[in-house]
């Protein structure tokens, strides 16, 4: 079913978090696609580029920093909203140095996440291609 709603990718290794964030994002009027790992998400970007990525930092194999780095190396200028339960000043600083549009601590406030996604999408970021 075609939709004009912006596509938001949710990358988190915790199934309950992916499901909850996906429902929230859809309820806010976006389309959500969820991924259980950074590798799974990076494979999908070649076929379907989202308007924004909601990204967990702490995941096995390919963490959120690795995903940000891979996106940058691929030239994919996607807005990234970090959501993490493992907050530290160092992680926050690195996430922003790697281009994060927002950095939110879990459990994330629903309205803050939706606002961060909207701001990231509509801040003049390039359209998916």
N, C-alpha and C. Protein backbone atom coordinates (compact mmCIF):
# COMPACT_ATOMS: atom_id res chain seq x y z
N UNK A 1 0.84 -1.17 0.00
CA UNK A 1 0.00 0.00 0.00
C UNK A 1 0.89 1.24 0.00
N UNK A 2 0.84 2.08 -1.03
CA UNK A 2 1.67 3.27 -1.07
C UNK A 2 1.23 4.29 -0.03
N UNK A 3 2.20 5.02 0.49
CA UNK A 3 1.90 6.04 1.48
C UNK A 3 2.84 7.22 1.29
N UNK A 4 2.34 8.40 1.60
CA UNK A 4 3.18 9.58 1.53
C UNK A 4 3.79 9.90 2.89
N UNK A 5 3.45 9.11 3.91
CA UNK A 5 3.98 9.35 5.25
C UNK A 5 5.48 9.07 5.25
N UNK A 6 6.26 9.94 5.90
CA UNK A 6 7.71 9.71 5.99
C UNK A 6 8.02 8.35 6.63
N UNK A 7 9.02 7.68 6.09
CA UNK A 7 9.44 6.38 6.60
C UNK A 7 10.49 6.58 7.69
N UNK A 8 10.24 6.00 8.85
CA UNK A 8 11.15 6.07 9.98
C UNK A 8 11.66 4.66 10.27
N UNK A 9 12.98 4.49 10.27
CA UNK A 9 13.58 3.21 10.61
C UNK A 9 13.87 3.20 12.11
N UNK A 10 13.51 2.10 12.76
CA UNK A 10 13.80 1.91 14.18
C UNK A 10 14.79 0.75 14.27
N UNK A 11 15.97 1.04 14.83
CA UNK A 11 17.02 0.02 14.94
C UNK A 11 17.30 -0.18 16.42
N UNK A 12 16.87 -1.34 16.95
CA UNK A 12 17.06 -1.66 18.36
C UNK A 12 17.05 -3.17 18.51
N UNK A 13 17.95 -3.70 19.31
CA UNK A 13 18.02 -5.15 19.46
C UNK A 13 16.96 -5.71 20.41
N UNK A 14 16.25 -4.86 21.14
CA UNK A 14 15.20 -5.32 22.05
C UNK A 14 13.85 -5.30 21.34
N UNK A 15 13.25 -6.48 21.20
CA UNK A 15 11.99 -6.59 20.46
C UNK A 15 10.89 -5.72 21.05
N UNK A 16 10.76 -5.69 22.37
CA UNK A 16 9.68 -4.91 22.98
C UNK A 16 9.86 -3.42 22.70
N UNK A 17 11.09 -2.95 22.67
CA UNK A 17 11.37 -1.54 22.36
C UNK A 17 11.02 -1.26 20.90
N UNK A 18 11.47 -2.14 20.00
CA UNK A 18 11.15 -1.96 18.57
C UNK A 18 9.65 -1.87 18.35
N UNK A 19 8.93 -2.79 18.96
CA UNK A 19 7.48 -2.83 18.78
C UNK A 19 6.82 -1.57 19.33
N UNK A 20 7.21 -1.14 20.53
CA UNK A 20 6.62 0.05 21.14
C UNK A 20 6.93 1.30 20.33
N UNK A 21 8.19 1.45 19.92
CA UNK A 21 8.56 2.63 19.12
C UNK A 21 7.87 2.61 17.77
N UNK A 22 7.75 1.44 17.16
CA UNK A 22 7.06 1.34 15.88
C UNK A 22 5.60 1.77 15.98
N UNK A 23 4.93 1.33 17.04
CA UNK A 23 3.53 1.73 17.25
C UNK A 23 3.41 3.23 17.48
N UNK A 24 4.29 3.78 18.29
CA UNK A 24 4.27 5.21 18.56
C UNK A 24 4.48 6.01 17.28
N UNK A 25 5.46 5.61 16.49
CA UNK A 25 5.78 6.32 15.25
C UNK A 25 4.61 6.25 14.27
N UNK A 26 3.98 5.11 14.17
CA UNK A 26 2.81 4.98 13.28
C UNK A 26 1.64 5.83 13.80
N UNK A 27 1.44 5.84 15.11
CA UNK A 27 0.36 6.64 15.70
C UNK A 27 0.58 8.14 15.47
N UNK A 28 1.86 8.53 15.31
CA UNK A 28 2.19 9.94 15.06
C UNK A 28 2.06 10.31 13.59
N UNK A 29 1.66 9.35 12.75
CA UNK A 29 1.42 9.65 11.34
C UNK A 29 2.56 9.31 10.39
N UNK A 30 3.58 8.63 10.91
CA UNK A 30 4.70 8.20 10.08
C UNK A 30 4.52 6.73 9.71
N UNK A 31 5.34 6.26 8.82
CA UNK A 31 5.44 4.83 8.53
C UNK A 31 6.69 4.34 9.24
N UNK A 32 6.59 3.19 9.91
CA UNK A 32 7.74 2.66 10.65
C UNK A 32 8.19 1.33 10.06
N UNK A 33 9.49 1.15 10.02
CA UNK A 33 10.08 -0.13 9.65
C UNK A 33 11.11 -0.43 10.73
N UNK A 34 11.06 -1.64 11.30
CA UNK A 34 11.93 -1.96 12.42
C UNK A 34 13.01 -2.96 12.03
N UNK A 35 14.16 -2.83 12.71
CA UNK A 35 15.32 -3.68 12.45
C UNK A 35 15.92 -4.10 13.78
N UNK A 36 16.29 -5.37 13.87
CA UNK A 36 16.82 -5.91 15.12
C UNK A 36 18.33 -5.75 15.26
N UNK A 37 18.98 -5.28 14.21
CA UNK A 37 20.43 -5.09 14.29
C UNK A 37 20.88 -4.01 13.32
N UNK A 38 22.05 -3.48 13.61
CA UNK A 38 22.63 -2.48 12.72
C UNK A 38 22.93 -3.06 11.35
N UNK A 39 23.39 -4.31 11.32
CA UNK A 39 23.71 -4.95 10.04
C UNK A 39 22.46 -5.11 9.18
N UNK A 40 21.36 -5.54 9.80
CA UNK A 40 20.11 -5.71 9.07
C UNK A 40 19.65 -4.37 8.50
N UNK A 41 19.75 -3.32 9.30
CA UNK A 41 19.37 -1.99 8.82
C UNK A 41 20.25 -1.54 7.66
N UNK A 42 21.56 -1.68 7.79
CA UNK A 42 22.48 -1.22 6.75
C UNK A 42 22.24 -1.95 5.43
N UNK A 43 21.89 -3.23 5.49
CA UNK A 43 21.56 -3.96 4.25
C UNK A 43 20.31 -3.38 3.60
N UNK A 44 19.36 -2.94 4.39
CA UNK A 44 18.10 -2.44 3.85
C UNK A 44 18.24 -1.06 3.21
N UNK A 45 19.19 -0.26 3.69
CA UNK A 45 19.34 1.12 3.21
C UNK A 45 19.65 1.16 1.72
N UNK A 46 20.27 0.12 1.21
CA UNK A 46 20.59 0.08 -0.21
C UNK A 46 19.33 0.00 -1.07
N UNK A 47 18.26 -0.59 -0.55
CA UNK A 47 17.02 -0.73 -1.31
C UNK A 47 15.98 0.33 -0.97
N UNK A 48 15.94 0.73 0.29
CA UNK A 48 14.87 1.63 0.74
C UNK A 48 15.43 2.57 1.81
N UNK A 49 15.56 3.82 1.47
CA UNK A 49 16.16 4.79 2.38
C UNK A 49 15.07 5.49 3.20
N UNK A 50 15.17 5.43 4.52
CA UNK A 50 14.18 6.11 5.36
C UNK A 50 14.42 7.61 5.42
N UNK A 51 13.45 8.32 5.92
CA UNK A 51 13.58 9.77 6.11
C UNK A 51 14.35 10.09 7.39
N UNK A 52 14.33 9.14 8.35
CA UNK A 52 14.98 9.33 9.64
C UNK A 52 15.23 7.96 10.26
N UNK A 53 16.27 7.87 11.09
CA UNK A 53 16.61 6.63 11.78
C UNK A 53 16.54 6.87 13.28
N UNK A 54 15.77 6.06 13.98
CA UNK A 54 15.76 6.05 15.44
C UNK A 54 16.66 4.89 15.84
N UNK A 55 17.78 5.22 16.49
CA UNK A 55 18.88 4.27 16.63
C UNK A 55 19.30 4.08 18.08
N UNK A 56 19.32 2.83 18.51
CA UNK A 56 19.86 2.47 19.82
C UNK A 56 21.38 2.47 19.71
N UNK A 57 22.07 2.82 20.77
CA UNK A 57 23.54 2.80 20.75
C UNK A 57 24.11 1.45 21.09
N UNK A 58 23.56 0.80 22.10
CA UNK A 58 24.16 -0.43 22.61
C UNK A 58 23.47 -1.65 22.03
N UNK A 59 24.09 -2.19 21.00
CA UNK A 59 23.59 -3.41 20.35
C UNK A 59 24.80 -4.31 20.09
N UNK A 60 24.59 -5.62 20.05
CA UNK A 60 25.72 -6.51 19.75
C UNK A 60 26.15 -6.41 18.29
N UNK A 61 27.37 -6.77 18.03
CA UNK A 61 27.97 -6.86 16.69
C UNK A 61 28.20 -5.49 16.04
N UNK A 62 27.16 -4.76 15.76
CA UNK A 62 27.28 -3.44 15.13
C UNK A 62 26.47 -2.46 15.98
N UNK A 63 27.16 -1.67 16.80
CA UNK A 63 26.43 -0.77 17.69
C UNK A 63 26.00 0.49 16.95
N UNK A 64 25.32 1.37 17.66
CA UNK A 64 24.80 2.59 17.03
C UNK A 64 25.89 3.49 16.48
N UNK A 65 27.04 3.56 17.16
CA UNK A 65 28.15 4.35 16.65
C UNK A 65 28.66 3.78 15.33
N UNK A 66 28.71 2.44 15.26
CA UNK A 66 29.14 1.78 14.02
C UNK A 66 28.17 2.09 12.89
N UNK A 67 26.88 2.10 13.19
CA UNK A 67 25.86 2.41 12.17
C UNK A 67 26.03 3.85 11.70
N UNK A 68 26.20 4.78 12.63
CA UNK A 68 26.42 6.17 12.24
C UNK A 68 27.64 6.29 11.34
N UNK A 69 28.71 5.61 11.70
CA UNK A 69 29.93 5.66 10.91
C UNK A 69 29.71 5.07 9.51
N UNK A 70 29.01 3.92 9.45
CA UNK A 70 28.75 3.28 8.16
C UNK A 70 27.88 4.17 7.27
N UNK A 71 26.89 4.83 7.85
CA UNK A 71 26.05 5.75 7.08
C UNK A 71 26.88 6.89 6.52
N UNK A 72 27.76 7.42 7.35
CA UNK A 72 28.61 8.52 6.92
C UNK A 72 29.55 8.09 5.79
N UNK A 73 30.17 6.93 5.94
CA UNK A 73 31.09 6.44 4.92
C UNK A 73 30.36 6.14 3.61
N UNK A 74 29.09 5.76 3.70
CA UNK A 74 28.29 5.46 2.50
C UNK A 74 27.73 6.74 1.87
N UNK A 75 27.92 7.87 2.53
CA UNK A 75 27.39 9.12 2.00
C UNK A 75 25.89 9.27 2.20
N UNK A 76 25.32 8.45 3.06
CA UNK A 76 23.88 8.50 3.32
C UNK A 76 23.61 9.56 4.38
N UNK A 77 23.14 10.69 3.96
CA UNK A 77 22.90 11.80 4.87
C UNK A 77 21.51 11.68 5.49
N UNK A 78 21.37 10.70 6.38
CA UNK A 78 20.09 10.46 7.03
C UNK A 78 20.10 11.07 8.42
N UNK A 79 19.04 11.77 8.79
CA UNK A 79 18.96 12.25 10.16
C UNK A 79 18.83 11.06 11.12
N UNK A 80 19.58 11.13 12.21
CA UNK A 80 19.61 10.05 13.20
C UNK A 80 19.17 10.61 14.55
N UNK A 81 18.21 9.93 15.16
CA UNK A 81 17.78 10.24 16.52
C UNK A 81 18.24 9.08 17.39
N UNK A 82 19.14 9.36 18.32
CA UNK A 82 19.66 8.33 19.21
C UNK A 82 18.70 8.16 20.38
N UNK A 83 18.42 6.90 20.72
CA UNK A 83 17.70 6.55 21.95
C UNK A 83 18.54 5.51 22.67
N UNK A 84 18.90 5.80 23.91
CA UNK A 84 19.79 4.88 24.62
C UNK A 84 19.46 4.82 26.11
N UNK A 85 19.67 3.68 26.67
CA UNK A 85 19.53 3.49 28.11
C UNK A 85 20.86 3.60 28.80
N UNK A 86 21.91 3.75 28.03
CA UNK A 86 23.27 3.77 28.56
C UNK A 86 23.88 5.15 28.29
N UNK A 87 23.34 6.16 28.95
CA UNK A 87 23.74 7.54 28.71
C UNK A 87 25.04 7.87 29.43
N UNK A 88 25.88 8.59 28.76
CA UNK A 88 27.09 9.14 29.38
C UNK A 88 27.48 10.38 28.60
N UNK A 89 28.20 11.30 29.23
CA UNK A 89 28.63 12.50 28.50
C UNK A 89 29.49 12.15 27.28
N UNK A 90 30.30 11.11 27.40
CA UNK A 90 31.16 10.70 26.28
C UNK A 90 30.33 10.17 25.11
N UNK A 91 29.34 9.33 25.42
CA UNK A 91 28.49 8.77 24.36
C UNK A 91 27.69 9.88 23.69
N UNK A 92 27.16 10.78 24.49
CA UNK A 92 26.38 11.91 23.94
C UNK A 92 27.26 12.74 23.00
N UNK A 93 28.47 13.07 23.45
CA UNK A 93 29.36 13.89 22.64
C UNK A 93 29.73 13.18 21.33
N UNK A 94 30.03 11.88 21.41
CA UNK A 94 30.39 11.14 20.21
C UNK A 94 29.22 11.05 19.24
N UNK A 95 28.02 10.81 19.76
CA UNK A 95 26.83 10.72 18.91
C UNK A 95 26.63 12.01 18.13
N UNK A 96 26.78 13.15 18.81
CA UNK A 96 26.61 14.43 18.12
C UNK A 96 27.77 14.71 17.16
N UNK A 97 28.99 14.33 17.53
CA UNK A 97 30.12 14.50 16.60
C UNK A 97 29.89 13.70 15.32
N UNK A 98 29.23 12.55 15.46
CA UNK A 98 28.96 11.71 14.29
C UNK A 98 27.68 12.13 13.57
N UNK A 99 27.08 13.25 13.99
CA UNK A 99 25.97 13.81 13.23
C UNK A 99 24.56 13.56 13.75
N UNK A 100 24.40 13.05 14.96
CA UNK A 100 23.05 12.81 15.47
C UNK A 100 22.26 14.11 15.52
N UNK A 101 21.00 14.02 15.13
CA UNK A 101 20.10 15.18 15.20
C UNK A 101 19.55 15.36 16.61
N UNK A 102 19.44 14.27 17.36
CA UNK A 102 18.91 14.32 18.72
C UNK A 102 19.45 13.12 19.49
N UNK A 103 19.46 13.26 20.80
CA UNK A 103 19.97 12.21 21.69
C UNK A 103 19.02 12.14 22.87
N UNK A 104 18.29 11.02 23.00
CA UNK A 104 17.28 10.86 24.04
C UNK A 104 17.59 9.64 24.89
N UNK A 105 17.34 9.77 26.18
CA UNK A 105 17.59 8.68 27.11
C UNK A 105 16.33 7.82 27.28
N UNK A 106 16.51 6.49 27.29
CA UNK A 106 15.41 5.56 27.55
C UNK A 106 15.15 5.55 29.06
N UNK A 107 13.91 5.37 29.49
CA UNK A 107 12.73 5.30 28.63
C UNK A 107 12.41 6.67 28.06
N UNK A 108 12.21 6.69 26.78
CA UNK A 108 12.04 7.95 26.06
C UNK A 108 10.61 8.46 26.22
N UNK A 109 10.49 9.76 26.39
CA UNK A 109 9.19 10.41 26.44
C UNK A 109 8.61 10.42 25.03
N UNK A 110 7.39 9.94 24.87
CA UNK A 110 6.76 9.82 23.55
C UNK A 110 6.76 11.14 22.78
N UNK A 111 6.30 12.20 23.42
CA UNK A 111 6.21 13.49 22.74
C UNK A 111 7.59 14.01 22.35
N UNK A 112 8.57 13.81 23.21
CA UNK A 112 9.93 14.25 22.89
C UNK A 112 10.48 13.51 21.68
N UNK A 113 10.19 12.21 21.59
CA UNK A 113 10.68 11.43 20.45
C UNK A 113 10.01 11.90 19.16
N UNK A 114 8.71 12.06 19.19
CA UNK A 114 7.99 12.51 17.99
C UNK A 114 8.49 13.90 17.57
N UNK A 115 8.67 14.77 18.54
CA UNK A 115 9.19 16.12 18.22
C UNK A 115 10.59 16.03 17.61
N UNK A 116 11.44 15.16 18.17
CA UNK A 116 12.81 15.01 17.65
C UNK A 116 12.80 14.47 16.22
N UNK A 117 11.92 13.52 15.94
CA UNK A 117 11.81 12.96 14.58
C UNK A 117 11.35 14.05 13.62
N UNK A 118 10.30 14.78 14.01
CA UNK A 118 9.80 15.85 13.14
C UNK A 118 10.87 16.91 12.89
N UNK A 119 11.57 17.31 13.92
CA UNK A 119 12.62 18.31 13.77
C UNK A 119 13.73 17.79 12.85
N UNK A 120 14.09 16.52 13.01
CA UNK A 120 15.16 15.94 12.18
C UNK A 120 14.76 15.87 10.71
N UNK A 121 13.53 15.50 10.46
CA UNK A 121 13.04 15.36 9.09
C UNK A 121 12.90 16.72 8.41
N UNK A 122 12.33 17.65 9.13
CA UNK A 122 11.95 18.92 8.51
C UNK A 122 12.99 20.02 8.73
N UNK A 123 14.19 19.66 9.16
CA UNK A 123 15.25 20.65 9.39
C UNK A 123 16.06 20.90 8.13
N UNK A 124 15.50 20.54 6.99
CA UNK A 124 16.20 20.78 5.74
C UNK A 124 17.13 19.66 5.33
N UNK A 125 16.94 18.48 5.94
CA UNK A 125 17.76 17.33 5.56
C UNK A 125 17.41 16.90 4.16
N UNK A 126 18.39 16.34 3.43
CA UNK A 126 18.12 15.87 2.07
C UNK A 126 17.05 14.80 2.06
N UNK A 127 16.26 14.80 1.02
CA UNK A 127 15.22 13.78 0.86
C UNK A 127 15.87 12.45 0.56
N UNK A 128 15.22 11.35 1.00
CA UNK A 128 15.77 10.03 0.69
C UNK A 128 15.90 9.83 -0.81
N UNK A 129 16.90 9.04 -1.17
CA UNK A 129 17.12 8.80 -2.59
C UNK A 129 17.47 7.46 -2.86
